[in-house]
């Protein structure tokens, strides 16, 4: 029983870590897109 619990706990931590990594990458992409928008806006003026 304890082993199963440890395994599922480790799995939850693993999944949470993947989720954090993906979320961080998504935020980075959003930041890059907004930077490009600002760059385009500066050039168009």
PDB file of N, CA and C in Angstrom:
ATOM      1  N   UNK A   1       0.830  -1.208   0.000  1.00  0.00           N
ATOM      2  CA  UNK A   1       0.000   0.000   0.000  1.00  0.00           C
ATOM      3  C   UNK A   1       0.872   1.267   0.000  1.00  0.00           C
ATOM      4  N   UNK A   2       1.871   1.267   0.851  1.00  0.00           N
ATOM      5  CA  UNK A   2       2.746   2.438   0.950  1.00  0.00           C
ATOM      6  C   UNK A   2       3.505   2.675  -0.358  1.00  0.00           C
ATOM      7  N   UNK A   3       3.931   1.582  -0.984  1.00  0.00           N
ATOM      8  CA  UNK A   3       4.663   1.699  -2.246  1.00  0.00           C
ATOM      9  C   UNK A   3       3.792   2.329  -3.338  1.00  0.00           C
ATOM     10  N   UNK A   4       2.550   1.872  -3.414  1.00  0.00           N
ATOM     11  CA  UNK A   4       1.619   2.413  -4.408  1.00  0.00           C
ATOM     12  C   UNK A   4       1.423   3.907  -4.172  1.00  0.00           C
ATOM     13  N   UNK A   5       1.292   4.277  -2.910  1.00  0.00           N
ATOM     14  CA  UNK A   5       1.093   5.681  -2.562  1.00  0.00           C
ATOM     15  C   UNK A   5       2.316   6.510  -2.967  1.00  0.00           C
ATOM     16  N   UNK A   6       3.498   5.989  -2.655  1.00  0.00           N
ATOM     17  CA  UNK A   6       4.736   6.694  -3.024  1.00  0.00           C
ATOM     18  C   UNK A   6       4.831   6.875  -4.531  1.00  0.00           C
ATOM     19  N   UNK A   7       4.478   5.826  -5.254  1.00  0.00           N
ATOM     20  CA  UNK A   7       4.550   5.861  -6.711  1.00  0.00           C
ATOM     21  C   UNK A   7       3.584   6.906  -7.272  1.00  0.00           C
ATOM     22  N   UNK A   8       2.347   6.913  -6.761  1.00  0.00           N
ATOM     23  CA  UNK A   8       1.361   7.866  -7.278  1.00  0.00           C
ATOM     24  C   UNK A   8       1.749   9.296  -6.903  1.00  0.00           C
ATOM     25  N   UNK A   9       2.351   9.457  -5.733  1.00  0.00           N
ATOM     26  CA  UNK A   9       2.804  10.785  -5.310  1.00  0.00           C
ATOM     27  C   UNK A   9       3.914  11.275  -6.236  1.00  0.00           C
ATOM     28  N   UNK A  10       4.861  10.386  -6.529  1.00  0.00           N
ATOM     29  CA  UNK A  10       5.952  10.735  -7.439  1.00  0.00           C
ATOM     30  C   UNK A  10       5.399  11.067  -8.822  1.00  0.00           C
ATOM     31  N   UNK A  11       4.387  10.329  -9.246  1.00  0.00           N
ATOM     32  CA  UNK A  11       3.770  10.554 -10.547  1.00  0.00           C
ATOM     33  C   UNK A  11       3.086  11.922 -10.580  1.00  0.00           C
ATOM     34  N   UNK A  12       2.400  12.281  -9.494  1.00  0.00           N
ATOM     35  CA  UNK A  12       1.743  13.591  -9.411  1.00  0.00           C
ATOM     36  C   UNK A  12       2.772  14.710  -9.511  1.00  0.00           C
ATOM     37  N   UNK A  13       3.886  14.542  -8.816  1.00  0.00           N
ATOM     38  CA  UNK A  13       4.953  15.551  -8.846  1.00  0.00           C
ATOM     39  C   UNK A  13       5.525  15.661 -10.253  1.00  0.00           C
ATOM     40  N   UNK A  14       5.719  14.514 -10.895  1.00  0.00           N
ATOM     41  CA  UNK A  14       6.247  14.472 -12.263  1.00  0.00           C
ATOM     42  C   UNK A  14       5.309  15.203 -13.219  1.00  0.00           C
ATOM     43  N   UNK A  15       4.013  14.914 -13.117  1.00  0.00           N
ATOM     44  CA  UNK A  15       3.030  15.560 -13.988  1.00  0.00           C
ATOM     45  C   UNK A  15       2.961  17.059 -13.716  1.00  0.00           C
ATOM     46  N   UNK A  16       3.022  17.444 -12.460  1.00  0.00           N
ATOM     47  CA  UNK A  16       2.985  18.857 -12.106  1.00  0.00           C
ATOM     48  C   UNK A  16       4.201  19.582 -12.676  1.00  0.00           C
ATOM     49  N   UNK A  17       5.346  18.900 -12.659  1.00  0.00           N
ATOM     50  CA  UNK A  17       6.568  19.492 -13.207  1.00  0.00           C
ATOM     51  C   UNK A  17       6.433  19.710 -14.707  1.00  0.00           C
ATOM     52  N   UNK A  18       5.902  18.705 -15.410  1.00  0.00           N
ATOM     53  CA  UNK A  18       5.686  18.843 -16.860  1.00  0.00           C
ATOM     54  C   UNK A  18       4.736  20.004 -17.133  1.00  0.00           C
ATOM     55  N   UNK A  19       3.681  20.092 -16.330  1.00  0.00           N
ATOM     56  CA  UNK A  19       2.694  21.157 -16.503  1.00  0.00           C
ATOM     57  C   UNK A  19       3.350  22.527 -16.323  1.00  0.00           C
ATOM     58  N   UNK A  20       4.204  22.651 -15.304  1.00  0.00           N
ATOM     59  CA  UNK A  20       4.906  23.916 -15.061  1.00  0.00           C
ATOM     60  C   UNK A  20       5.812  24.278 -16.231  1.00  0.00           C
ATOM     61  N   UNK A  21       6.514  23.278 -16.749  1.00  0.00           N
ATOM     62  CA  UNK A  21       7.420  23.508 -17.881  1.00  0.00           C
ATOM     63  C   UNK A  21       6.635  23.972 -19.097  1.00  0.00           C
ATOM     64  N   UNK A  22       5.532  23.299 -19.384  1.00  0.00           N
ATOM     65  CA  UNK A  22       4.712  23.672 -20.542  1.00  0.00           C
ATOM     66  C   UNK A  22       4.130  25.068 -20.369  1.00  0.00           C
ATOM     67  N   UNK A  23       3.678  25.364 -19.160  1.00  0.00           N
ATOM     68  CA  UNK A  23       3.099  26.680 -18.897  1.00  0.00           C
ATOM     69  C   UNK A  23       4.161  27.764 -19.077  1.00  0.00           C
ATOM     70  N   UNK A  24       5.374  27.505 -18.598  1.00  0.00           N
ATOM     71  CA  UNK A  24       6.474  28.458 -18.743  1.00  0.00           C
ATOM     72  C   UNK A  24       6.797  28.689 -20.217  1.00  0.00           C
ATOM     73  N   UNK A  25       6.806  27.613 -20.998  1.00  0.00           N
ATOM     74  CA  UNK A  25       7.086  27.742 -22.432  1.00  0.00           C
ATOM     75  C   UNK A  25       5.989  28.542 -23.113  1.00  0.00           C
ATOM     76  N   UNK A  26       4.740  28.303 -22.724  1.00  0.00           N
ATOM     77  CA  UNK A  26       3.609  29.015 -23.313  1.00  0.00           C
ATOM     78  C   UNK A  26       3.717  30.506 -23.006  1.00  0.00           C
ATOM     79  N   UNK A  27       4.068  30.832 -21.763  1.00  0.00           N
ATOM     80  CA  UNK A  27       4.227  32.233 -21.381  1.00  0.00           C
ATOM     81  C   UNK A  27       5.350  32.892 -22.161  1.00  0.00           C
ATOM     82  N   UNK A  28       6.420  32.153 -22.386  1.00  0.00           N
ATOM     83  CA  UNK A  28       7.557  32.669 -23.145  1.00  0.00           C
ATOM     84  C   UNK A  28       7.133  32.986 -24.576  1.00  0.00           C
ATOM     85  N   UNK A  29       6.349  32.097 -25.164  1.00  0.00           N
ATOM     86  CA  UNK A  29       5.851  32.314 -26.526  1.00  0.00           C
ATOM     87  C   UNK A  29       4.982  33.564 -26.567  1.00  0.00           C
ATOM     88  N   UNK A  30       4.107  33.724 -25.568  1.00  0.00           N
ATOM     89  CA  UNK A  30       3.237  34.907 -25.508  1.00  0.00           C
ATOM     90  C   UNK A  30       4.069  36.182 -25.405  1.00  0.00           C
ATOM     91  N   UNK A  31       5.107  36.143 -24.581  1.00  0.00           N
ATOM     92  CA  UNK A  31       5.980  37.309 -24.409  1.00  0.00           C
ATOM     93  C   UNK A  31       6.677  37.642 -25.727  1.00  0.00           C
ATOM     94  N   UNK A  32       7.172  36.621 -26.422  1.00  0.00           N
ATOM     95  CA  UNK A  32       7.843  36.840 -27.701  1.00  0.00           C
ATOM     96  C   UNK A  32       6.895  37.443 -28.722  1.00  0.00           C
ATOM     97  N   UNK A  33       5.661  36.962 -28.747  1.00  0.00           N
ATOM     98  CA  UNK A  33       4.672  37.486 -29.693  1.00  0.00           C
ATOM     99  C   UNK A  33       4.389  38.955 -29.385  1.00  0.00           C
ATOM    100  N   UNK A  34       4.218  39.292 -28.119  1.00  0.00           N
ATOM    101  CA  UNK A  34       3.921  40.679 -27.771  1.00  0.00           C
ATOM    102  C   UNK A  34       5.115  41.583 -28.069  1.00  0.00           C
ATOM    103  N   UNK A  35       6.326  41.058 -27.912  1.00  0.00           N
ATOM    104  CA  UNK A  35       7.523  41.828 -28.259  1.00  0.00           C
ATOM    105  C   UNK A  35       7.551  42.115 -29.755  1.00  0.00           C
ATOM    106  N   UNK A  36       7.229  41.095 -30.552  1.00  0.00           N
ATOM    107  CA  UNK A  36       7.212  41.277 -32.004  1.00  0.00           C
ATOM    108  C   UNK A  36       6.157  42.301 -32.399  1.00  0.00           C
ATOM    109  N   UNK A  37       5.006  42.270 -31.741  1.00  0.00           N
ATOM    110  CA  UNK A  37       3.948  43.242 -32.015  1.00  0.00           C
ATOM    111  C   UNK A  37       4.446  44.658 -31.732  1.00  0.00           C
ATOM    112  N   UNK A  38       5.138  44.832 -30.617  1.00  0.00           N
ATOM    113  CA  UNK A  38       5.669  46.146 -30.258  1.00  0.00           C
ATOM    114  C   UNK A  38       6.688  46.605 -31.295  1.00  0.00           C
ATOM    115  N   UNK A  39       7.514  45.674 -31.729  1.00  0.00           N
ATOM    116  CA  UNK A  39       8.542  45.971 -32.723  1.00  0.00           C
ATOM    117  C   UNK A  39       7.894  46.430 -34.029  1.00  0.00           C
ATOM    118  N   UNK A  40       6.862  45.714 -34.448  1.00  0.00           N
ATOM    119  CA  UNK A  40       6.141  46.069 -35.676  1.00  0.00           C
ATOM    120  C   UNK A  40       5.495  47.443 -35.515  1.00  0.00           C
ATOM    121  N   UNK A  41       4.908  47.690 -34.356  1.00  0.00           N
ATOM    122  CA  UNK A  41       4.254  48.975 -34.117  1.00  0.00           C
ATOM    123  C   UNK A  41       5.250  50.133 -34.175  1.00  0.00           C
ATOM    124  N   UNK A  42       6.430  49.910 -33.627  1.00  0.00           N
ATOM    125  CA  UNK A  42       7.457  50.953 -33.660  1.00  0.00           C
ATOM    126  C   UNK A  42       7.887  51.241 -35.097  1.00  0.00           C
ATOM    127  N   UNK A  43       8.018  50.196 -35.890  1.00  0.00           N
ATOM    128  CA  UNK A  43       8.460  50.367 -37.272  1.00  0.00           C
ATOM    129  C   UNK A  43       7.407  51.038 -38.141  1.00  0.00           C
ATOM    130  N   UNK A  44       6.143  50.804 -37.833  1.00  0.00           N
ATOM    131  CA  UNK A  44       5.080  51.323 -38.692  1.00  0.00           C
ATOM    132  C   UNK A  44       4.833  52.815 -38.464  1.00  0.00           C
ATOM    133  N   UNK A  45       5.329  53.334 -37.334  1.00  0.00           N
ATOM    134  CA  UNK A  45       5.077  54.756 -37.038  1.00  0.00           C
ATOM    135  C   UNK A  45       5.896  55.694 -37.885  1.00  0.00           C
TER     136      UNK A  45
END
